[in-house]
C-alpha atoms as a PDB file:
ATOM      1  CA  UNK A   1     112.515 105.773  97.357  1.00  0.00           C
ATOM      2  CA  UNK A   2     115.464 107.622  98.974  1.00  0.00           C
ATOM      3  CA  UNK A   3     115.358 110.836 100.944  1.00  0.00           C
ATOM      4  CA  UNK A   4     116.501 112.695  98.062  1.00  0.00           C
ATOM      5  CA  UNK A   5     113.981 112.149  96.010  1.00  0.00           C
ATOM      6  CA  UNK A   6     111.414 114.118  98.943  1.00  0.00           C
ATOM      7  CA  UNK A   7     113.893 116.875  98.378  1.00  0.00           C
ATOM      8  CA  UNK A   8     113.266 116.793  94.677  1.00  0.00           C
ATOM      9  CA  UNK A   9     109.552 116.455  94.983  1.00  0.00           C
ATOM     10  CA  UNK A  10     109.688 119.653  97.331  1.00  0.00           C
ATOM     11  CA  UNK A  11     111.383 121.751  94.858  1.00  0.00           C
ATOM     12  CA  UNK A  12     109.523 120.742  91.887  1.00  0.00           C
ATOM     13  CA  UNK A  13     106.479 121.578  94.009  1.00  0.00           C
ATOM     14  CA  UNK A  14     108.182 124.976  94.616  1.00  0.00           C
ATOM     15  CA  UNK A  15     108.735 125.261  91.237  1.00  0.00           C
ATOM     16  CA  UNK A  16     105.385 124.589  89.730  1.00  0.00           C
ATOM     17  CA  UNK A  17     103.435 127.151  92.122  1.00  0.00           C
ATOM     18  CA  UNK A  18     106.116 129.934  91.404  1.00  0.00           C
ATOM     19  CA  UNK A  19     106.843 129.330  87.886  1.00  0.00           C
ATOM     20  CA  UNK A  20     102.488 128.702  87.386  1.00  0.00           C
ATOM     21  CA  UNK A  21     103.637 125.583  85.579  1.00  0.00           C
ATOM     22  CA  UNK A  22     100.622 123.492  86.265  1.00  0.00           C
ATOM     23  CA  UNK A  23      96.939 123.968  85.913  1.00  0.00           C
ATOM     24  CA  UNK A  24      94.515 123.218  88.964  1.00  0.00           C
ATOM     25  CA  UNK A  25      91.247 122.148  87.416  1.00  0.00           C
ATOM     26  CA  UNK A  26      88.237 121.565  90.250  1.00  0.00           C
ATOM     27  CA  UNK A  27      85.773 118.863  89.856  1.00  0.00           C
ATOM     28  CA  UNK A  28      82.450 118.417  90.709  1.00  0.00           C
ATOM     29  CA  UNK A  29      83.094 116.097  93.618  1.00  0.00           C
ATOM     30  CA  UNK A  30      85.242 118.658  95.415  1.00  0.00           C
ATOM     31  CA  UNK A  31      88.774 117.273  94.047  1.00  0.00           C
ATOM     32  CA  UNK A  32      91.403 119.291  91.850  1.00  0.00           C
ATOM     33  CA  UNK A  33      93.061 117.244  89.049  1.00  0.00           C
ATOM     34  CA  UNK A  34      96.446 118.356  88.841  1.00  0.00           C
ATOM     35  CA  UNK A  35      97.966 119.025  85.390  1.00  0.00           C
ATOM     36  CA  UNK A  36     101.640 119.280  85.381  1.00  0.00           C
ATOM     37  CA  UNK A  37     103.887 118.105  82.493  1.00  0.00           C
ATOM     38  CA  UNK A  38     103.444 114.387  83.238  1.00  0.00           C
ATOM     39  CA  UNK A  39     100.166 112.399  84.211  1.00  0.00           C
ATOM     40  CA  UNK A  40      97.579 114.414  85.925  1.00  0.00           C
ATOM     41  CA  UNK A  41      96.774 113.787  89.498  1.00  0.00           C
ATOM     42  CA  UNK A  42      93.920 113.852  91.827  1.00  0.00           C
ATOM     43  CA  UNK A  43      94.065 115.637  94.815  1.00  0.00           C
ATOM     44  CA  UNK A  44      91.593 116.115  97.851  1.00  0.00           C
ATOM     45  CA  UNK A  45      91.281 118.353 100.705  1.00  0.00           C
ATOM     46  CA  UNK A  46      90.911 116.346 104.041  1.00  0.00           C
ATOM     47  CA  UNK A  47      89.273 119.279 106.481  1.00  0.00           C
ATOM     48  CA  UNK A  48      90.340 116.790 109.222  1.00  0.00           C
ATOM     49  CA  UNK A  49      94.244 118.120 109.242  1.00  0.00           C
ATOM     50  CA  UNK A  50      94.051 120.831 107.257  1.00  0.00           C
ATOM     51  CA  UNK A  51      95.726 119.207 104.659  1.00  0.00           C
ATOM     52  CA  UNK A  52      96.659 118.497 100.263  1.00  0.00           C
ATOM     53  CA  UNK A  53      96.290 114.761  99.803  1.00  0.00           C
ATOM     54  CA  UNK A  54      97.018 113.076  96.367  1.00  0.00           C
ATOM     55  CA  UNK A  55      96.660 109.666  94.212  1.00  0.00           C
ATOM     56  CA  UNK A  56     100.299 109.297  93.246  1.00  0.00           C
ATOM     57  CA  UNK A  57     103.219 106.801  94.536  1.00  0.00           C
ATOM     58  CA  UNK A  58     105.124 109.814  96.152  1.00  0.00           C
ATOM     59  CA  UNK A  59     102.522 111.153  98.396  1.00  0.00           C
ATOM     60  CA  UNK A  60     101.538 107.356  99.656  1.00  0.00           C
ATOM     61  CA  UNK A  61     105.037 106.590 100.420  1.00  0.00           C
ATOM     62  CA  UNK A  62     106.087 110.264 101.791  1.00  0.00           C
ATOM     63  CA  UNK A  63     102.866 111.878 103.021  1.00  0.00           C
ATOM     64  CA  UNK A  64     103.769 114.394 100.405  1.00  0.00           C
ATOM     65  CA  UNK A  65     104.766 115.107  96.947  1.00  0.00           C
ATOM     66  CA  UNK A  66     105.174 118.030  94.427  1.00  0.00           C
ATOM     67  CA  UNK A  67     101.539 118.024  93.862  1.00  0.00           C
ATOM     68  CA  UNK A  68     100.261 118.484  97.166  1.00  0.00           C
ATOM     69  CA  UNK A  69     103.235 121.602  97.709  1.00  0.00           C
ATOM     70  CA  UNK A  70     101.921 123.119  94.886  1.00  0.00           C
ATOM     71  CA  UNK A  71      98.436 123.399  95.618  1.00  0.00           C
ATOM     72  CA  UNK A  72      99.276 124.824  99.140  1.00  0.00           C
ATOM     73  CA  UNK A  73     101.449 127.244  97.247  1.00  0.00           C
ATOM     74  CA  UNK A  74      99.015 128.047  94.832  1.00  0.00           C
ATOM     75  CA  UNK A  75      95.385 127.099  96.036  1.00  0.00           C
ATOM     76  CA  UNK A  76      93.398 128.315  99.068  1.00  0.00           C
ATOM     77  CA  UNK A  77      92.157 125.956 100.879  1.00  0.00           C
ATOM     78  CA  UNK A  78      88.465 124.816  99.983  1.00  0.00           C
ATOM     79  CA  UNK A  79      85.680 126.079 102.033  1.00  0.00           C
ATOM     80  CA  UNK A  80      82.865 123.636 103.502  1.00  0.00           C
ATOM     81  CA  UNK A  81      79.622 124.526 102.848  1.00  0.00           C
ATOM     82  CA  UNK A  82      76.843 122.729 104.762  1.00  0.00           C
ATOM     83  CA  UNK A  83      73.384 122.591 103.688  1.00  0.00           C
ATOM     84  CA  UNK A  84      70.702 122.417 106.093  1.00  0.00           C
END
């Protein structure tokens, strides 16, 4: 993958968020299913870093992808609830 792929991912992520071209479904385990134009992706929120993580190849290589960018722009950070 090239640096231009990373730039393209950022642009697509902003486009997804601004144009509402994607849907997010909250799963029971706290993850989020990203539904865009292609295959669904699973996003999880890392409370230690305060960032979204994705299971796509782009995220594995660069640590960021269009899906995480769209989630950051569109979704609030999940609240961790401690049960006693």
